[in-house]
């Protein structure tokens, strides 16, 4: 059975991958990239929401100063 640290590493990998992919997609205007950006932003928003509900500090998962929706309006997320 996986330990808690295994799940933490898994979550951190998913978050890092989604952040990088969203940032990459935000620099493109084609429909496929825009669709991917929306999908990644939805995933990252869901993670932020659940972390807040579960009282997991966003700083512990790398989302404390990251606003995925800023990428949709052409701003760089922190």
Protein backbone atom coordinates (compact mmCIF):
# COMPACT_ATOMS: atom_id res chain seq x y z
CA UNK A 1 0.00 0.00 0.00
CA UNK A 2 1.22 3.48 -0.83
CA UNK A 3 2.26 5.79 1.96
CA UNK A 4 1.13 9.37 2.47
CA UNK A 5 4.42 10.63 1.07
CA UNK A 6 3.75 8.69 -2.15
CA UNK A 7 0.45 10.54 -2.56
CA UNK A 8 2.12 13.86 -1.81
CA UNK A 9 4.77 13.26 -4.48
CA UNK A 10 2.05 12.24 -6.93
CA UNK A 11 0.04 15.40 -6.23
CA UNK A 12 3.11 17.63 -6.50
CA UNK A 13 3.98 16.05 -9.86
CA UNK A 14 0.46 16.60 -11.19
CA UNK A 15 0.43 20.21 -10.00
CA UNK A 16 3.86 20.98 -11.47
CA UNK A 17 2.94 19.37 -14.79
CA UNK A 18 -0.39 21.23 -14.97
CA UNK A 19 1.22 24.57 -14.07
CA UNK A 20 3.92 24.16 -16.72
CA UNK A 21 1.45 23.03 -19.38
CA UNK A 22 -0.96 25.87 -18.58
CA UNK A 23 1.84 28.42 -18.76
CA UNK A 24 2.99 27.02 -22.10
CA UNK A 25 -0.54 26.94 -23.52
CA UNK A 26 -1.21 30.53 -22.39
CA UNK A 27 1.37 31.82 -24.84
CA UNK A 28 -0.50 30.39 -27.82
CA UNK A 29 -3.66 31.55 -29.56
CA UNK A 30 -4.70 28.43 -31.49
CA UNK A 31 -7.98 26.78 -30.42
CA UNK A 32 -6.33 23.56 -29.20
CA UNK A 33 -3.94 25.44 -26.90
CA UNK A 34 -6.77 27.59 -25.57
CA UNK A 35 -8.84 24.47 -24.83
CA UNK A 36 -5.90 22.89 -23.02
CA UNK A 37 -5.37 26.08 -21.04
CA UNK A 38 -9.00 26.03 -19.87
CA UNK A 39 -8.71 22.37 -18.88
CA UNK A 40 -5.47 22.89 -16.93
CA UNK A 41 -6.94 25.94 -15.21
CA UNK A 42 -9.99 23.92 -14.16
CA UNK A 43 -7.74 21.20 -12.69
CA UNK A 44 -5.56 23.70 -10.85
CA UNK A 45 -8.60 25.58 -9.55
CA UNK A 46 -10.09 22.31 -8.25
CA UNK A 47 -6.82 21.50 -6.47
CA UNK A 48 -6.70 24.98 -4.90
CA UNK A 49 -10.33 24.71 -3.79
CA UNK A 50 -9.87 21.28 -2.21
CA UNK A 51 -6.63 22.35 -0.53
CA UNK A 52 -8.43 25.31 1.00
CA UNK A 53 -11.31 23.13 2.20
CA UNK A 54 -8.90 20.60 3.69
CA UNK A 55 -6.78 23.39 5.17
CA UNK A 56 -3.68 22.36 3.24
CA UNK A 57 -1.48 25.45 2.90
CA UNK A 58 -1.24 26.41 -0.76
CA UNK A 59 2.44 27.14 -0.21
CA UNK A 60 3.00 23.44 0.51
CA UNK A 61 1.72 22.48 -2.93
CA UNK A 62 3.22 25.33 -4.94
CA UNK A 63 -0.01 27.24 -5.53
CA UNK A 64 0.21 30.03 -2.96
CA UNK A 65 0.89 32.83 -5.45
CA UNK A 66 -0.33 31.07 -8.59
CA UNK A 67 -3.63 32.21 -10.13
CA UNK A 68 -4.31 30.02 -13.16
CA UNK A 69 -7.04 32.31 -14.43
CA UNK A 70 -4.54 35.13 -14.89
CA UNK A 71 -3.07 33.03 -17.69
CA UNK A 72 -6.39 33.18 -19.55
CA UNK A 73 -6.30 36.95 -19.71
CA UNK A 74 -2.74 37.03 -20.91
CA UNK A 75 -1.00 37.79 -17.62
CA UNK A 76 1.79 35.70 -16.22
CA UNK A 77 0.76 33.78 -13.13
CA UNK A 78 3.29 33.95 -10.34
